Structures are given as C-alpha cells and as structure tokens.
N, C-alpha and C. Protein backbone atom coordinates (compact mmCIF):
# COMPACT_ATOMS: atom_id res chain seq x y z
N MET A 1 -42.29 -42.18 143.34
CA MET A 1 -42.75 -40.96 142.63
C MET A 1 -43.45 -40.06 143.63
N ALA A 2 -43.52 -38.87 143.51
CA ALA A 2 -44.02 -37.93 144.42
C ALA A 2 -45.53 -37.73 144.14
N SER A 3 -46.24 -37.36 145.26
CA SER A 3 -47.62 -37.33 145.17
C SER A 3 -48.13 -36.27 144.21
N LEU A 4 -49.14 -36.56 143.38
CA LEU A 4 -49.72 -35.47 142.44
C LEU A 4 -51.06 -35.19 142.80
N ASP A 5 -51.25 -33.89 142.68
CA ASP A 5 -52.65 -33.43 142.71
C ASP A 5 -53.17 -33.09 141.40
N ARG A 6 -54.51 -32.95 141.21
CA ARG A 6 -55.17 -32.65 139.92
C ARG A 6 -54.57 -31.56 139.18
N ARG A 7 -54.15 -30.59 139.89
CA ARG A 7 -53.67 -29.30 139.23
C ARG A 7 -52.36 -29.65 138.64
N THR A 8 -51.48 -30.44 139.34
CA THR A 8 -50.19 -30.71 138.84
C THR A 8 -50.28 -31.72 137.53
N VAL A 9 -51.20 -32.54 137.63
CA VAL A 9 -51.48 -33.43 136.45
C VAL A 9 -51.91 -32.52 135.32
N LEU A 10 -52.85 -31.65 135.55
CA LEU A 10 -53.38 -30.82 134.40
C LEU A 10 -52.23 -29.94 133.94
N ARG A 11 -51.43 -29.31 134.73
CA ARG A 11 -50.33 -28.57 134.19
C ARG A 11 -49.42 -29.47 133.53
N LEU A 12 -49.12 -30.73 133.79
CA LEU A 12 -48.46 -31.64 132.82
C LEU A 12 -48.95 -31.87 131.59
N MET A 13 -50.30 -32.03 131.68
CA MET A 13 -51.09 -32.37 130.32
C MET A 13 -50.99 -31.14 129.45
N ALA A 14 -50.79 -29.95 130.11
CA ALA A 14 -50.70 -28.59 129.30
C ALA A 14 -49.43 -28.61 128.45
N THR A 15 -48.56 -29.36 128.95
CA THR A 15 -47.16 -29.34 128.08
C THR A 15 -47.43 -30.33 126.88
N ALA A 16 -48.35 -31.15 126.78
CA ALA A 16 -48.51 -32.08 125.76
C ALA A 16 -48.38 -31.53 124.34
N PRO A 17 -49.15 -30.33 124.04
CA PRO A 17 -48.95 -29.76 122.72
C PRO A 17 -47.62 -29.21 122.37
N LEU A 18 -46.78 -29.02 123.41
CA LEU A 18 -45.41 -28.63 123.18
C LEU A 18 -44.59 -29.67 122.52
N ALA A 19 -45.04 -30.93 122.59
CA ALA A 19 -44.43 -31.99 122.00
C ALA A 19 -44.18 -31.83 120.45
N ALA A 20 -45.34 -31.15 119.90
CA ALA A 20 -45.09 -30.88 118.39
C ALA A 20 -44.02 -29.94 118.18
N ALA A 21 -43.78 -29.04 119.11
CA ALA A 21 -42.82 -27.95 118.80
C ALA A 21 -41.34 -28.43 119.30
N PHE A 22 -41.41 -29.20 120.30
CA PHE A 22 -40.10 -29.59 120.83
C PHE A 22 -39.97 -31.10 120.69
N THR A 23 -38.79 -31.46 120.52
CA THR A 23 -38.49 -32.93 120.49
C THR A 23 -38.27 -33.62 121.81
N TRP A 24 -39.12 -34.59 122.08
CA TRP A 24 -39.04 -35.37 123.25
C TRP A 24 -38.28 -36.70 122.96
N SER A 25 -37.52 -37.17 123.83
CA SER A 25 -37.13 -38.44 123.75
C SER A 25 -38.16 -39.44 124.22
N HIS A 26 -38.00 -40.71 123.74
CA HIS A 26 -38.99 -41.69 124.14
C HIS A 26 -39.03 -41.84 125.78
N GLU A 27 -38.09 -41.68 126.37
CA GLU A 27 -38.04 -41.81 127.75
C GLU A 27 -38.71 -40.58 128.38
N GLU A 28 -38.49 -39.34 127.77
CA GLU A 28 -39.08 -38.25 128.38
C GLU A 28 -40.71 -38.39 128.07
N ALA A 29 -41.18 -38.84 126.93
CA ALA A 29 -42.54 -38.92 126.63
C ALA A 29 -43.18 -39.91 127.61
N MET A 30 -42.55 -40.97 127.87
CA MET A 30 -42.95 -42.10 128.76
C MET A 30 -43.14 -41.59 130.23
N HIS A 31 -42.13 -40.81 130.57
CA HIS A 31 -42.09 -40.22 131.92
C HIS A 31 -43.40 -39.29 132.19
N ALA A 32 -43.58 -38.40 131.08
CA ALA A 32 -44.71 -37.45 131.12
C ALA A 32 -45.95 -38.16 131.19
N SER A 33 -46.05 -39.25 130.41
CA SER A 33 -47.35 -40.08 130.33
C SER A 33 -47.52 -40.84 131.75
N ALA A 34 -46.38 -41.14 132.40
CA ALA A 34 -46.62 -41.86 133.67
C ALA A 34 -47.09 -40.94 134.80
N LEU A 35 -46.64 -39.74 134.66
CA LEU A 35 -47.10 -38.73 135.64
C LEU A 35 -48.52 -38.40 135.52
N VAL A 36 -49.00 -38.32 134.20
CA VAL A 36 -50.36 -38.09 133.97
C VAL A 36 -51.27 -39.26 134.40
N LYS A 37 -50.88 -40.49 134.14
CA LYS A 37 -51.41 -41.72 134.49
C LYS A 37 -51.59 -41.78 136.01
N ALA A 38 -50.63 -41.34 136.82
CA ALA A 38 -50.64 -41.45 138.25
C ALA A 38 -51.86 -40.53 138.84
N GLY A 39 -52.24 -39.61 138.14
CA GLY A 39 -53.44 -38.84 138.45
C GLY A 39 -54.73 -39.38 137.96
N GLN A 40 -54.65 -40.37 137.24
CA GLN A 40 -55.80 -40.98 136.80
C GLN A 40 -56.68 -41.97 137.58
N GLY A 41 -56.11 -42.10 138.80
CA GLY A 41 -56.83 -43.01 139.64
C GLY A 41 -58.15 -42.66 140.00
N GLN A 42 -58.50 -41.47 139.93
CA GLN A 42 -59.81 -40.88 140.14
C GLN A 42 -60.56 -40.68 139.07
N ALA A 43 -62.01 -40.70 139.21
CA ALA A 43 -62.94 -40.43 138.19
C ALA A 43 -62.73 -39.08 137.67
N PHE A 44 -62.75 -38.82 136.37
CA PHE A 44 -62.55 -37.49 135.73
C PHE A 44 -63.79 -36.70 136.05
N LYS A 45 -63.56 -35.49 136.56
CA LYS A 45 -64.49 -34.49 136.76
C LYS A 45 -64.23 -33.31 135.94
N PRO A 46 -65.00 -33.07 134.76
CA PRO A 46 -64.74 -31.82 133.99
C PRO A 46 -64.78 -30.51 134.64
N VAL A 47 -63.91 -29.61 134.28
CA VAL A 47 -63.98 -28.26 134.80
C VAL A 47 -64.74 -27.40 133.83
N PHE A 48 -64.74 -27.56 132.59
CA PHE A 48 -65.47 -26.60 131.54
C PHE A 48 -66.70 -27.42 131.01
N PHE A 49 -66.58 -28.58 130.59
CA PHE A 49 -67.71 -29.26 130.04
C PHE A 49 -68.81 -29.58 130.97
N THR A 50 -70.07 -29.49 130.56
CA THR A 50 -71.28 -30.09 131.31
C THR A 50 -71.24 -31.51 131.10
N ASP A 51 -71.92 -32.22 131.84
CA ASP A 51 -72.15 -33.62 131.65
C ASP A 51 -72.45 -34.03 130.23
N HIS A 52 -73.45 -33.44 129.73
CA HIS A 52 -73.90 -33.63 128.35
C HIS A 52 -72.89 -33.30 127.34
N GLU A 53 -72.21 -32.06 127.46
CA GLU A 53 -71.11 -31.74 126.52
C GLU A 53 -70.12 -32.74 126.55
N LEU A 54 -69.74 -33.24 127.76
CA LEU A 54 -68.61 -34.17 127.86
C LEU A 54 -69.00 -35.50 127.05
N ALA A 55 -70.20 -35.98 127.30
CA ALA A 55 -70.76 -37.16 126.60
C ALA A 55 -70.71 -36.97 125.11
N THR A 56 -71.07 -35.80 124.75
CA THR A 56 -71.12 -35.52 123.23
C THR A 56 -69.54 -35.49 122.65
N VAL A 57 -68.70 -34.93 123.53
CA VAL A 57 -67.37 -35.03 123.12
C VAL A 57 -66.68 -36.41 123.11
N ARG A 58 -67.11 -37.13 123.95
CA ARG A 58 -66.65 -38.63 124.05
C ARG A 58 -67.00 -39.35 122.78
N VAL A 59 -68.27 -39.15 122.38
CA VAL A 59 -68.83 -39.85 121.15
C VAL A 59 -68.07 -39.23 119.91
N LEU A 60 -67.98 -38.00 119.78
CA LEU A 60 -67.48 -37.23 118.63
C LEU A 60 -66.02 -37.57 118.31
N VAL A 61 -65.21 -37.50 119.37
CA VAL A 61 -63.72 -37.85 119.23
C VAL A 61 -63.39 -39.18 118.67
N ASP A 62 -64.22 -40.14 119.04
CA ASP A 62 -64.06 -41.61 118.51
C ASP A 62 -64.45 -41.73 117.09
N TYR A 63 -65.27 -40.74 116.65
CA TYR A 63 -65.62 -40.74 115.19
C TYR A 63 -64.32 -40.17 114.38
N ILE A 64 -63.53 -39.27 115.04
CA ILE A 64 -62.52 -38.53 114.41
C ILE A 64 -61.26 -39.59 114.32
N ILE A 65 -61.08 -40.24 115.62
CA ILE A 65 -59.90 -41.25 115.82
C ILE A 65 -60.34 -42.41 116.51
N PRO A 66 -60.97 -43.29 115.73
CA PRO A 66 -61.62 -44.50 116.36
C PRO A 66 -60.45 -45.63 116.63
N LYS A 67 -60.74 -46.49 117.47
CA LYS A 67 -59.84 -47.61 117.77
C LYS A 67 -59.66 -48.45 116.55
N ASP A 68 -58.41 -48.85 116.41
CA ASP A 68 -58.03 -49.76 115.27
C ASP A 68 -57.10 -50.79 115.88
N ASP A 69 -56.51 -51.71 114.85
CA ASP A 69 -55.69 -52.68 115.21
C ASP A 69 -54.45 -52.20 115.80
N LYS A 70 -53.97 -51.03 115.55
CA LYS A 70 -52.66 -50.41 115.93
C LYS A 70 -52.77 -49.80 117.32
N SER A 71 -53.89 -49.07 117.64
CA SER A 71 -53.94 -48.48 118.82
C SER A 71 -55.42 -48.06 119.31
N GLY A 72 -55.54 -47.63 120.51
CA GLY A 72 -56.90 -47.24 121.01
C GLY A 72 -57.48 -46.05 120.34
N SER A 73 -58.58 -45.82 120.76
CA SER A 73 -59.38 -44.54 120.21
C SER A 73 -58.95 -43.26 120.94
N ALA A 74 -59.42 -42.14 120.59
CA ALA A 74 -59.20 -40.85 120.99
C ALA A 74 -59.57 -40.94 122.57
N ASN A 75 -60.78 -41.56 122.90
CA ASN A 75 -61.16 -41.65 124.23
C ASN A 75 -60.14 -42.47 125.05
N ASP A 76 -59.62 -43.56 124.50
CA ASP A 76 -58.65 -44.26 125.17
C ASP A 76 -57.33 -43.42 125.51
N ALA A 77 -57.02 -42.60 124.66
CA ALA A 77 -55.93 -41.75 124.69
C ALA A 77 -56.04 -40.55 125.81
N GLY A 78 -57.31 -40.32 126.19
CA GLY A 78 -57.69 -39.15 127.16
C GLY A 78 -57.92 -37.81 126.49
N VAL A 79 -58.33 -37.92 125.26
CA VAL A 79 -58.52 -36.70 124.36
C VAL A 79 -59.58 -35.87 125.02
N PRO A 80 -60.78 -36.37 125.44
CA PRO A 80 -61.73 -35.49 126.14
C PRO A 80 -61.27 -34.76 127.35
N GLU A 81 -60.46 -35.35 128.17
CA GLU A 81 -59.84 -34.77 129.26
C GLU A 81 -58.89 -33.78 128.96
N PHE A 82 -57.98 -34.02 127.83
CA PHE A 82 -57.08 -32.95 127.27
C PHE A 82 -58.01 -31.74 126.82
N MET A 83 -59.05 -32.01 126.15
CA MET A 83 -59.95 -30.72 125.60
C MET A 83 -60.47 -29.96 126.67
N ASP A 84 -60.88 -30.73 127.84
CA ASP A 84 -61.50 -29.93 128.97
C ASP A 84 -60.38 -29.13 129.52
N PHE A 85 -59.15 -29.46 129.62
CA PHE A 85 -58.12 -28.73 130.19
C PHE A 85 -57.85 -27.46 129.32
N MET A 86 -57.82 -27.94 127.99
CA MET A 86 -57.51 -26.66 126.99
C MET A 86 -58.76 -25.66 126.94
N MET A 87 -59.82 -26.06 127.23
CA MET A 87 -60.87 -25.05 127.27
C MET A 87 -60.71 -24.09 128.53
N THR A 88 -60.15 -24.61 129.65
CA THR A 88 -59.92 -23.87 130.86
C THR A 88 -58.60 -23.03 130.68
N ASP A 89 -57.68 -23.50 129.94
CA ASP A 89 -56.34 -22.87 129.73
C ASP A 89 -56.47 -21.81 128.68
N GLN A 90 -57.39 -21.95 127.74
CA GLN A 90 -57.57 -21.09 126.73
C GLN A 90 -59.06 -20.49 126.56
N PRO A 91 -59.35 -19.60 127.57
CA PRO A 91 -60.81 -19.28 127.73
C PRO A 91 -61.34 -18.55 126.32
N ASN A 92 -60.53 -18.05 125.39
CA ASN A 92 -60.97 -17.51 124.14
C ASN A 92 -61.52 -18.59 123.29
N ARG A 93 -61.29 -19.87 123.56
CA ARG A 93 -61.86 -20.95 122.77
C ARG A 93 -63.16 -21.51 123.16
N GLN A 94 -63.60 -21.07 124.45
CA GLN A 94 -64.74 -21.64 125.07
C GLN A 94 -66.01 -21.40 124.41
N ASN A 95 -66.37 -20.23 123.96
CA ASN A 95 -67.56 -20.07 123.20
C ASN A 95 -67.69 -20.67 121.90
N ALA A 96 -66.66 -20.76 121.21
CA ALA A 96 -66.68 -21.51 120.00
C ALA A 96 -66.95 -23.14 120.28
N MET A 97 -66.30 -23.60 121.34
CA MET A 97 -66.49 -25.06 121.63
C MET A 97 -67.84 -25.32 122.19
N ARG A 98 -68.39 -24.41 123.02
CA ARG A 98 -69.73 -24.66 123.55
C ARG A 98 -70.72 -24.39 122.35
N GLY A 99 -70.57 -23.42 121.65
CA GLY A 99 -71.56 -23.08 120.47
C GLY A 99 -71.33 -24.26 119.48
N GLY A 100 -70.36 -24.74 119.14
CA GLY A 100 -70.14 -25.85 118.14
C GLY A 100 -70.88 -27.07 118.61
N LEU A 101 -70.67 -27.41 119.85
CA LEU A 101 -71.30 -28.60 120.39
C LEU A 101 -72.89 -28.44 120.36
N ALA A 102 -73.28 -27.25 120.72
CA ALA A 102 -74.72 -27.02 120.60
C ALA A 102 -75.28 -26.96 119.24
N TRP A 103 -74.55 -26.50 118.17
CA TRP A 103 -74.85 -26.53 116.98
C TRP A 103 -74.94 -27.94 116.28
N VAL A 104 -74.06 -28.90 116.75
CA VAL A 104 -74.25 -30.35 116.42
C VAL A 104 -75.53 -30.98 116.97
N ASP A 105 -75.92 -30.55 118.23
CA ASP A 105 -77.18 -31.06 118.72
C ASP A 105 -78.23 -30.50 118.01
N LEU A 106 -78.26 -29.21 117.78
CA LEU A 106 -79.44 -28.48 117.17
C LEU A 106 -79.62 -29.08 115.60
N GLU A 107 -78.59 -29.46 114.95
CA GLU A 107 -78.60 -29.82 113.65
C GLU A 107 -79.18 -31.33 113.74
N CYS A 108 -78.85 -32.10 114.65
CA CYS A 108 -79.41 -33.45 114.85
C CYS A 108 -80.81 -33.35 115.22
N HIS A 109 -81.21 -32.47 116.04
CA HIS A 109 -82.69 -32.25 116.52
C HIS A 109 -83.50 -31.79 115.22
N ARG A 110 -82.84 -30.92 114.31
CA ARG A 110 -83.64 -30.42 113.20
C ARG A 110 -83.90 -31.62 112.32
N ARG A 111 -82.95 -32.47 112.10
CA ARG A 111 -82.99 -33.52 111.17
C ARG A 111 -83.67 -34.74 111.70
N PHE A 112 -83.47 -35.12 112.96
CA PHE A 112 -83.90 -36.42 113.53
C PHE A 112 -84.71 -36.34 114.85
N ASP A 113 -84.77 -35.07 115.26
CA ASP A 113 -85.68 -34.90 116.41
C ASP A 113 -85.04 -35.45 117.73
N LYS A 114 -83.79 -35.57 117.75
CA LYS A 114 -82.97 -35.95 118.92
C LYS A 114 -81.60 -35.44 118.94
N ARG A 115 -80.97 -35.56 120.15
CA ARG A 115 -79.57 -35.04 120.27
C ARG A 115 -78.52 -36.04 119.64
N PHE A 116 -77.31 -35.41 119.36
CA PHE A 116 -76.31 -36.14 118.91
C PHE A 116 -75.95 -37.47 119.41
N ILE A 117 -75.88 -37.51 120.71
CA ILE A 117 -75.45 -38.77 121.45
C ILE A 117 -76.64 -39.79 121.40
N VAL A 118 -77.72 -39.58 121.14
CA VAL A 118 -78.83 -40.57 120.98
C VAL A 118 -79.15 -40.98 119.59
N CYS A 119 -78.55 -40.24 118.70
CA CYS A 119 -78.66 -40.60 117.22
C CYS A 119 -78.15 -41.83 116.97
N THR A 120 -78.53 -42.60 115.76
CA THR A 120 -78.03 -43.81 115.41
C THR A 120 -76.74 -43.52 114.76
N ASP A 121 -75.74 -44.51 114.46
CA ASP A 121 -74.60 -44.31 113.88
C ASP A 121 -74.62 -43.69 112.46
N ALA A 122 -75.52 -44.21 111.75
CA ALA A 122 -75.90 -43.68 110.37
C ALA A 122 -76.37 -42.05 110.46
N GLU A 123 -77.09 -41.80 111.46
CA GLU A 123 -77.65 -40.39 111.47
C GLU A 123 -76.45 -39.50 111.91
N ARG A 124 -75.53 -40.00 112.95
CA ARG A 124 -74.44 -39.27 113.19
C ARG A 124 -73.50 -39.02 112.08
N ARG A 125 -73.25 -40.15 111.31
CA ARG A 125 -72.35 -40.05 110.12
C ARG A 125 -72.90 -39.10 109.07
N GLN A 126 -74.21 -38.94 108.98
CA GLN A 126 -74.81 -38.09 107.85
C GLN A 126 -74.50 -36.63 108.24
N VAL A 127 -74.71 -36.42 109.56
CA VAL A 127 -74.41 -34.96 110.03
C VAL A 127 -72.70 -34.60 109.83
N LEU A 128 -71.93 -35.60 110.26
CA LEU A 128 -70.58 -35.47 110.19
C LEU A 128 -70.18 -35.37 108.76
N ASP A 129 -70.72 -36.07 107.89
CA ASP A 129 -70.14 -35.93 106.42
C ASP A 129 -70.44 -34.57 105.94
N ASP A 130 -71.52 -34.12 106.32
CA ASP A 130 -71.92 -32.74 105.86
C ASP A 130 -70.96 -31.55 106.38
N ILE A 131 -70.21 -31.89 107.52
CA ILE A 131 -69.53 -30.81 108.04
C ILE A 131 -68.03 -31.12 107.95
N SER A 132 -67.56 -32.29 107.53
CA SER A 132 -66.27 -32.72 107.49
C SER A 132 -65.44 -32.24 106.39
N TRP A 133 -66.06 -31.71 105.16
CA TRP A 133 -65.48 -31.29 104.02
C TRP A 133 -65.66 -29.83 103.67
N PRO A 134 -64.75 -28.92 104.10
CA PRO A 134 -64.90 -27.60 103.93
C PRO A 134 -65.13 -27.18 102.54
N GLN A 135 -64.58 -27.90 101.38
CA GLN A 135 -64.88 -27.68 100.08
C GLN A 135 -66.12 -27.99 99.46
N ARG A 136 -66.90 -28.66 100.33
CA ARG A 136 -68.24 -29.12 99.87
C ARG A 136 -69.29 -28.59 100.76
N VAL A 137 -69.12 -27.43 101.38
CA VAL A 137 -69.98 -27.04 102.50
C VAL A 137 -71.35 -26.55 101.75
N GLN A 138 -72.44 -26.87 102.31
CA GLN A 138 -73.65 -26.70 101.84
C GLN A 138 -74.31 -25.31 102.54
N PRO A 139 -75.09 -24.56 101.87
CA PRO A 139 -75.72 -23.50 102.52
C PRO A 139 -76.21 -23.78 104.06
N GLY A 140 -75.88 -22.93 104.90
CA GLY A 140 -76.22 -23.14 106.30
C GLY A 140 -75.35 -24.03 107.14
N MET A 141 -74.43 -24.68 106.52
CA MET A 141 -73.58 -25.62 107.33
C MET A 141 -72.19 -25.01 107.77
N GLY A 142 -71.99 -23.69 107.33
CA GLY A 142 -70.62 -22.99 107.57
C GLY A 142 -70.34 -23.08 109.06
N PRO A 143 -71.28 -22.80 109.99
CA PRO A 143 -70.77 -22.81 111.35
C PRO A 143 -70.36 -24.22 111.80
N GLY A 144 -71.14 -25.21 111.40
CA GLY A 144 -70.72 -26.62 111.74
C GLY A 144 -69.29 -26.99 111.23
N VAL A 145 -68.94 -26.51 109.83
CA VAL A 145 -67.75 -26.83 109.26
C VAL A 145 -66.65 -26.16 110.05
N THR A 146 -66.88 -25.05 110.41
CA THR A 146 -65.89 -24.25 111.23
C THR A 146 -65.52 -24.82 112.60
N PHE A 147 -66.67 -25.21 113.11
CA PHE A 147 -66.50 -25.90 114.51
C PHE A 147 -65.81 -27.22 114.33
N PHE A 148 -66.20 -28.06 113.26
CA PHE A 148 -65.58 -29.32 113.16
C PHE A 148 -64.19 -29.36 112.75
N ASN A 149 -63.79 -28.31 112.00
CA ASN A 149 -62.45 -28.27 111.68
C ASN A 149 -61.51 -28.02 112.93
N SER A 150 -61.92 -27.12 113.87
CA SER A 150 -61.31 -26.76 115.06
C SER A 150 -61.32 -27.99 115.88
N PHE A 151 -62.46 -28.60 115.99
CA PHE A 151 -62.61 -29.72 117.02
C PHE A 151 -61.74 -30.92 116.56
N ARG A 152 -61.68 -31.25 115.21
CA ARG A 152 -60.86 -32.18 114.59
C ARG A 152 -59.36 -32.08 114.89
N ASP A 153 -58.85 -30.68 114.74
CA ASP A 153 -57.52 -30.28 115.08
C ASP A 153 -57.15 -30.57 116.49
N LEU A 154 -58.20 -30.15 117.38
CA LEU A 154 -57.84 -30.33 118.79
C LEU A 154 -57.81 -31.81 119.25
N THR A 155 -58.76 -32.62 118.59
CA THR A 155 -58.66 -34.16 118.80
C THR A 155 -57.33 -34.77 118.33
N ALA A 156 -56.87 -34.29 117.26
CA ALA A 156 -55.60 -34.79 116.72
C ALA A 156 -54.49 -34.37 117.63
N SER A 157 -54.42 -33.00 118.05
CA SER A 157 -53.41 -32.63 118.96
C SER A 157 -53.49 -33.35 120.31
N GLY A 158 -54.52 -33.67 120.81
CA GLY A 158 -54.59 -34.55 121.98
C GLY A 158 -54.18 -35.81 121.82
N PHE A 159 -54.65 -36.49 120.81
CA PHE A 159 -54.16 -37.88 120.50
C PHE A 159 -52.82 -38.06 120.25
N TRP A 160 -52.13 -37.37 119.23
CA TRP A 160 -50.87 -37.48 118.78
C TRP A 160 -49.81 -37.09 119.80
N THR A 161 -50.18 -36.24 120.92
CA THR A 161 -49.28 -36.00 121.97
C THR A 161 -49.41 -36.76 123.19
N SER A 162 -50.34 -37.73 123.04
CA SER A 162 -50.49 -38.75 124.24
C SER A 162 -49.47 -39.86 124.08
N GLU A 163 -49.32 -40.68 125.10
CA GLU A 163 -48.34 -41.83 125.07
C GLU A 163 -48.90 -42.81 123.92
N MET A 164 -50.10 -43.02 123.84
CA MET A 164 -50.76 -43.84 122.76
C MET A 164 -50.52 -43.43 121.38
N GLY A 165 -50.62 -42.06 121.18
CA GLY A 165 -50.42 -41.51 119.84
C GLY A 165 -48.97 -41.48 119.60
N ILE A 166 -48.04 -41.17 120.45
CA ILE A 166 -46.70 -41.25 120.19
C ILE A 166 -46.19 -42.69 119.84
N ASN A 167 -46.78 -43.69 120.53
CA ASN A 167 -46.42 -45.00 120.22
C ASN A 167 -47.02 -45.41 118.91
N ASP A 168 -48.21 -44.93 118.60
CA ASP A 168 -48.80 -45.20 117.23
C ASP A 168 -47.88 -44.72 115.99
N ILE A 169 -47.31 -43.72 116.06
CA ILE A 169 -46.46 -43.25 115.05
C ILE A 169 -45.05 -43.68 115.22
N GLN A 170 -44.80 -44.36 116.24
CA GLN A 170 -43.47 -44.85 116.58
C GLN A 170 -42.42 -43.78 116.63
N TYR A 171 -42.84 -42.70 117.30
CA TYR A 171 -42.06 -41.54 117.38
C TYR A 171 -40.74 -41.85 118.29
N MET A 172 -39.49 -41.62 117.92
CA MET A 172 -38.34 -41.96 118.64
C MET A 172 -37.71 -40.82 119.24
N GLY A 173 -38.12 -39.56 118.82
CA GLY A 173 -37.36 -38.47 119.28
C GLY A 173 -35.98 -38.17 118.81
N ASN A 174 -35.14 -37.38 119.39
CA ASN A 174 -33.84 -37.23 118.87
C ASN A 174 -32.99 -38.48 119.06
N THR A 175 -32.95 -39.38 118.11
CA THR A 175 -32.23 -40.61 118.27
C THR A 175 -30.94 -40.39 117.36
N PHE A 176 -29.87 -40.72 118.00
CA PHE A 176 -28.47 -40.45 117.34
C PHE A 176 -28.35 -41.71 116.33
N VAL A 177 -28.03 -41.26 115.01
CA VAL A 177 -27.73 -42.45 114.24
C VAL A 177 -26.29 -42.24 113.84
N PRO A 178 -25.37 -43.10 114.33
CA PRO A 178 -23.95 -43.07 113.97
C PRO A 178 -23.69 -43.17 112.52
N LYS A 179 -24.27 -44.02 111.88
CA LYS A 179 -23.99 -44.12 110.49
C LYS A 179 -25.28 -44.29 109.61
N TRP A 180 -25.36 -43.53 108.61
CA TRP A 180 -26.63 -43.60 107.76
C TRP A 180 -26.33 -44.73 106.59
N THR A 181 -27.17 -45.66 106.76
CA THR A 181 -26.96 -46.63 105.66
C THR A 181 -28.00 -46.62 104.63
N GLY A 182 -28.72 -45.54 104.59
CA GLY A 182 -29.84 -45.50 103.50
C GLY A 182 -31.03 -46.17 103.83
N CYS A 183 -32.06 -46.14 102.99
CA CYS A 183 -33.28 -46.74 103.09
C CYS A 183 -33.23 -48.25 103.12
N PRO A 184 -33.85 -48.99 104.06
CA PRO A 184 -33.83 -50.41 104.13
C PRO A 184 -34.17 -51.10 102.93
N PRO A 185 -33.60 -52.17 102.54
CA PRO A 185 -33.84 -52.80 101.15
C PRO A 185 -35.25 -53.18 101.07
N GLU A 186 -35.88 -53.65 102.21
CA GLU A 186 -37.35 -54.19 102.03
C GLU A 186 -38.20 -53.00 101.74
N VAL A 187 -37.83 -51.81 102.26
CA VAL A 187 -38.77 -50.67 101.92
C VAL A 187 -38.48 -50.36 100.47
N LEU A 188 -37.37 -50.37 100.09
CA LEU A 188 -37.12 -50.04 98.53
C LEU A 188 -37.86 -50.95 97.65
N THR A 189 -37.79 -52.25 98.10
CA THR A 189 -38.46 -53.35 97.25
C THR A 189 -39.96 -53.11 97.26
N LYS A 190 -40.56 -52.70 98.42
CA LYS A 190 -41.95 -52.58 98.59
C LYS A 190 -42.29 -51.20 97.66
N LEU A 191 -41.40 -50.27 97.53
CA LEU A 191 -41.73 -49.08 96.83
C LEU A 191 -41.40 -49.27 95.28
N GLY A 192 -40.95 -50.44 94.98
CA GLY A 192 -40.49 -50.76 93.50
C GLY A 192 -39.29 -50.03 93.12
N LEU A 193 -38.33 -49.68 94.03
CA LEU A 193 -37.16 -49.04 93.69
C LEU A 193 -36.00 -49.96 93.99
N GLU A 194 -34.85 -49.49 93.36
CA GLU A 194 -33.65 -50.22 93.59
C GLU A 194 -32.54 -49.40 94.32
C-alpha cells in the first residue's frame, strides 16, 4: 500500500459522510477503512479542538454511542478524530461547536462547581438528560439543546460511516439478489406472521 500522510488520511475521512448518500460495497468500505487505519500509527493531534475540548468530546461521544456487546464505542470508532476534521473542513460549524462545549462546562460549573469531564457519571447524566429532549426543554436550556442535537447528529454520522458502524448495522452495500424468496421463515415466526 502506498505511503499515506495525515492530509491524505483526513481527505479520506472526509469522504465518510458521503457513505450515507452513495452506496459502498463492503469491499469499498473496508478498503477506505484500511487506508484510514494506515494513518493511525501516530498519536492523534487535533487541528481544531484544544486538549480540554478534545477530552470533553471523548467523554461526550461515548454517552451518545457507548460500547455494547455488538460493537465498540464512538471513541473506538474514531468519532472525535472525525469531528476534529469536520470542524476544520466546515469552518461555519466551529463557533457552534466551541460555544456548545463551553456551554456544557459552564452548566456543570453552575450546578456542581466543576467541569464536565470531572463530574461524576450521575452529574453528567443529569445535565445531558436536560438537553437531550427538545420537546421537554426547560427555560435557559435552549442553547444546550441546540448544541446537543447537532453534536449527537455529528456523533452518529461519524460512527455509522466508520468501519465499526458499517459492521454494526451489517451494511452490505449493493448486493445482487438473483432471486427474491421473501422474508425468512424464522423472521416471520418471530414477528408472529405466517
């Protein structure tokens, strides 16, 4: 495989969101992932995020997509690195991201007299529960809700376009089906259908 520099790897990562619009075969997705992994031998150095912001992002993305029995967490899938790239690629999103991360810290400081990353799990969940449901927004929480909706969408985009996310949903791409035999009998049984 040809030698890759950081810029090339980031350019490849930029194509990840296109996976939602274009259909990749499993082989194409694995090839893109292999190219990105080839550039991961070095420690990640953010271009946009400060060290504190990156630490906050790393904690926050794993609340949105935690590790489970099926796949790893958003951190395991490289979502913070994806977000850092997206912020440099889309400068119009930078103020909202930086302001939102600061808002989360300020809200934690107001409630618990400490930053988000040093709060306990229960304290973090309390703040996140208050900004996770746009329909239940309390007075003064609007900026947090707006930030969290965007952050959650970006986390999902990064995860579901990664190799891990593609494997998690068992995405097969454009797979030719020579003969459609209908829904498998075991699925029909599980659904209570005949």
